[in-house]
C-alpha cells in the first residue's frame, strides 16, 4: 500500500478515536452516577491515547519515515460492572445510561471491525501490529460496555416490569 493510502487510513482511524473520545466526554458530563462518570472519563482518556499514538504514526509517514508504532500505556481490562452500586435504587431511571452504553457498544464494534480490516489490508508489519493492537483494545471496550449494558438493562427492565420474566 502506498504512503497516501496509509495516511488516509490513519486519518480515518484518528477520526474514529476523536469521535469515541468526544462521545465518552459528553456521556460522562450527563450521567449522574459517579462510578459511571469515572468509567466514561477513563474511556475518553484511552481514546485520546489511541489518537495520539495514531497521530505519531501519521506524522512519521507524512515526514517520509516508516510507521512509528509506540503503543500507548493503556491497560484496558474487563471491569466490574460500574453502575452496580446504584442498583436497584436508580436502575429504573437509568435510561440515559442504558442508551449511552448501547451507542458506545456500536461505536466500539465499528472501531474494532475497522481495525481488523485494516490489519489485513496494509502491507507494513508495523502498521499491521498497530491495527491489531487497536482492534484488541476496542474489543475490550466493546465487551466491557456490552456486559454493563446487559446488566443494567436487565435490572432496569425488571424494576419497570418490562422484562418477560
Protein backbone atom coordinates (compact mmCIF):
# COMPACT_ATOMS: atom_id res chain seq x y z
CA UNK A 1 0.00 0.00 0.00
CA UNK A 2 1.32 3.39 -0.93
CA UNK A 3 2.03 6.15 1.57
CA UNK A 4 -1.02 8.18 0.55
CA UNK A 5 -3.36 5.21 1.18
CA UNK A 6 -1.89 4.56 4.59
CA UNK A 7 -2.19 8.23 5.52
CA UNK A 8 -5.86 8.11 4.53
CA UNK A 9 -6.44 5.04 6.71
CA UNK A 10 -4.65 6.67 9.64
CA UNK A 11 -6.76 9.79 9.18
CA UNK A 12 -9.92 7.65 9.37
CA UNK A 13 -8.57 5.90 12.45
CA UNK A 14 -7.86 9.22 14.17
CA UNK A 15 -11.40 10.38 13.38
CA UNK A 16 -12.75 7.18 14.97
CA UNK A 17 -10.76 7.83 18.14
CA UNK A 18 -11.81 11.50 18.34
CA UNK A 19 -15.46 10.50 17.90
CA UNK A 20 -15.13 7.97 20.71
CA UNK A 21 -13.37 10.42 22.99
CA UNK A 22 -15.99 13.11 22.46
CA UNK A 23 -18.85 10.67 22.94
CA UNK A 24 -17.43 9.46 26.26
CA UNK A 25 -16.77 13.01 27.47
CA UNK A 26 -20.36 14.05 26.70
CA UNK A 27 -21.69 10.89 28.32
CA UNK A 28 -19.58 11.45 31.44
CA UNK A 29 -20.92 15.00 31.70
CA UNK A 30 -24.53 13.81 31.56
CA UNK A 31 -24.54 10.75 33.78
CA UNK A 32 -25.42 11.29 37.41
CA UNK A 33 -23.73 8.09 38.54
CA UNK A 34 -20.25 8.80 39.99
CA UNK A 35 -18.78 5.41 39.03
CA UNK A 36 -20.29 5.66 35.56
CA UNK A 37 -18.85 9.16 35.15
CA UNK A 38 -15.42 7.89 36.20
CA UNK A 39 -15.57 4.98 33.75
CA UNK A 40 -16.68 7.15 30.83
CA UNK A 41 -13.86 9.59 31.58
CA UNK A 42 -11.38 6.68 31.66
CA UNK A 43 -12.66 5.52 28.28
CA UNK A 44 -12.27 9.07 26.90
CA UNK A 45 -8.65 9.12 28.14
CA UNK A 46 -7.96 5.79 26.45
CA UNK A 47 -9.43 7.01 23.17
CA UNK A 48 -7.23 10.12 23.46
CA UNK A 49 -4.17 7.92 24.00
CA UNK A 50 -5.10 5.87 20.92
CA UNK A 51 -5.48 9.11 18.93
CA UNK A 52 -2.06 10.41 20.00
CA UNK A 53 -0.36 7.13 19.08
CA UNK A 54 -2.03 7.16 15.67
CA UNK A 55 -1.07 10.81 15.22
CA UNK A 56 2.61 9.96 15.82
CA UNK A 57 2.44 7.32 13.10
CA UNK A 58 0.67 9.72 10.75
CA UNK A 59 3.32 12.39 11.30
CA UNK A 60 6.13 9.88 10.80
CA UNK A 61 4.74 8.68 7.48
CA UNK A 62 3.93 12.21 6.38
CA UNK A 63 7.58 13.08 7.06
CA UNK A 64 8.79 10.19 4.90
CA UNK A 65 9.70 7.96 7.83
CA UNK A 66 8.40 4.44 8.48
CA UNK A 67 5.32 3.75 10.59
CA UNK A 68 6.10 4.58 14.17
CA UNK A 69 4.05 2.36 16.47
CA UNK A 70 4.61 3.17 20.08
CA UNK A 71 1.61 1.62 21.82
CA UNK A 72 0.12 3.85 24.49
CA UNK A 73 0.30 2.63 28.04
CA UNK A 74 -3.40 1.93 28.46
CA UNK A 75 -4.35 -1.27 30.14
CA UNK A 76 -7.96 -1.86 29.22
CA UNK A 77 -9.21 -4.81 31.13
CA UNK A 78 -12.53 -6.31 31.97
CA UNK A 79 -14.09 -4.23 34.69
CA UNK A 80 -16.61 -4.99 37.34
CA UNK A 81 -19.99 -3.53 36.50
CA UNK A 82 -19.55 0.17 37.03
CA UNK A 83 -23.19 1.04 37.71
CA UNK A 84 -23.75 -1.85 40.12
CA UNK A 85 -23.73 0.27 43.27
CA UNK A 86 -26.74 2.26 42.02
CA UNK A 87 -28.99 -0.77 41.79
CA UNK A 88 -31.81 -1.12 42.48
CA UNK A 89 -32.35 2.47 43.67
CA UNK A 90 -31.53 4.10 40.34
CA UNK A 91 -31.73 1.28 37.80
CA UNK A 92 -35.34 2.00 36.97
CA UNK A 93 -34.39 5.56 35.94
CA UNK A 94 -31.14 4.94 34.08
CA UNK A 95 -32.50 5.21 30.55
CA UNK A 96 -29.80 7.71 29.54
CA UNK A 97 -27.04 5.42 30.74
CA UNK A 98 -28.54 2.38 29.00
CA UNK A 99 -28.84 4.35 25.76
CA UNK A 100 -25.30 5.69 26.09
CA UNK A 101 -23.94 2.20 26.69
CA UNK A 102 -25.81 0.95 23.63
CA UNK A 103 -24.29 3.70 21.47
CA UNK A 104 -20.85 3.02 22.96
CA UNK A 105 -21.21 -0.67 22.09
CA UNK A 106 -21.97 0.25 18.46
CA UNK A 107 -19.05 2.69 18.28
CA UNK A 108 -16.61 0.14 19.69
CA UNK A 109 -17.88 -2.63 17.38
CA UNK A 110 -17.44 -0.39 14.34
CA UNK A 111 -13.96 0.51 15.59
CA UNK A 112 -12.65 -3.00 16.12
CA UNK A 113 -14.13 -4.18 12.82
CA UNK A 114 -12.41 -1.29 11.00
CA UNK A 115 -9.07 -2.05 12.66
CA UNK A 116 -9.36 -5.78 11.90
CA UNK A 117 -9.98 -4.99 8.24
CA UNK A 118 -7.07 -2.54 8.10
CA UNK A 119 -4.69 -5.04 9.71
CA UNK A 120 -5.39 -7.31 6.74
CA UNK A 121 -5.28 -4.62 4.06
CA UNK A 122 -1.98 -2.95 4.95
CA UNK A 123 1.37 -4.48 3.99
CA UNK A 124 3.60 -2.78 6.53
CA UNK A 125 4.30 -5.06 9.53
CA UNK A 126 4.36 -2.13 11.97
CA UNK A 127 1.03 -0.88 10.66
CA UNK A 128 -0.40 -4.39 10.92
CA UNK A 129 0.74 -4.62 14.54
CA UNK A 130 -0.71 -1.20 15.26
CA UNK A 131 -4.12 -2.10 13.85
CA UNK A 132 -4.16 -5.49 15.63
CA UNK A 133 -3.41 -3.76 18.94
CA UNK A 134 -6.12 -1.19 18.34
CA UNK A 135 -8.56 -3.94 17.38
CA UNK A 136 -7.92 -5.74 20.67
CA UNK A 137 -8.26 -2.58 22.77
CA UNK A 138 -11.54 -1.67 21.10
CA UNK A 139 -12.80 -5.25 21.53
CA UNK A 140 -12.10 -4.94 25.24
CA UNK A 141 -14.09 -1.69 25.37
CA UNK A 142 -16.87 -3.38 23.42
CA UNK A 143 -17.12 -6.37 25.74
CA UNK A 144 -16.96 -4.23 28.88
CA UNK A 145 -19.70 -1.90 27.66
CA UNK A 146 -21.86 -4.75 26.38
CA UNK A 147 -21.64 -6.58 29.71
CA UNK A 148 -22.52 -3.42 31.63
CA UNK A 149 -25.38 -2.57 29.29
CA UNK A 150 -26.92 -6.03 29.59
CA UNK A 151 -26.71 -5.98 33.39
CA UNK A 152 -28.18 -2.52 33.69
CA UNK A 153 -30.88 -3.19 31.10
CA UNK A 154 -31.90 -6.42 32.82
CA UNK A 155 -32.23 -4.70 36.19
CA UNK A 156 -34.00 -1.67 34.76
CA UNK A 157 -36.45 -3.78 32.79
CA UNK A 158 -37.20 -5.95 35.82
CA UNK A 159 -37.83 -2.92 38.04
CA UNK A 160 -40.01 -1.30 35.38
CA UNK A 161 -41.81 -4.59 34.68
CA UNK A 162 -40.70 -4.60 31.03
CA UNK A 163 -38.97 -7.94 31.28
CA UNK A 164 -40.81 -11.08 30.25
CA UNK A 165 -39.74 -12.85 33.45
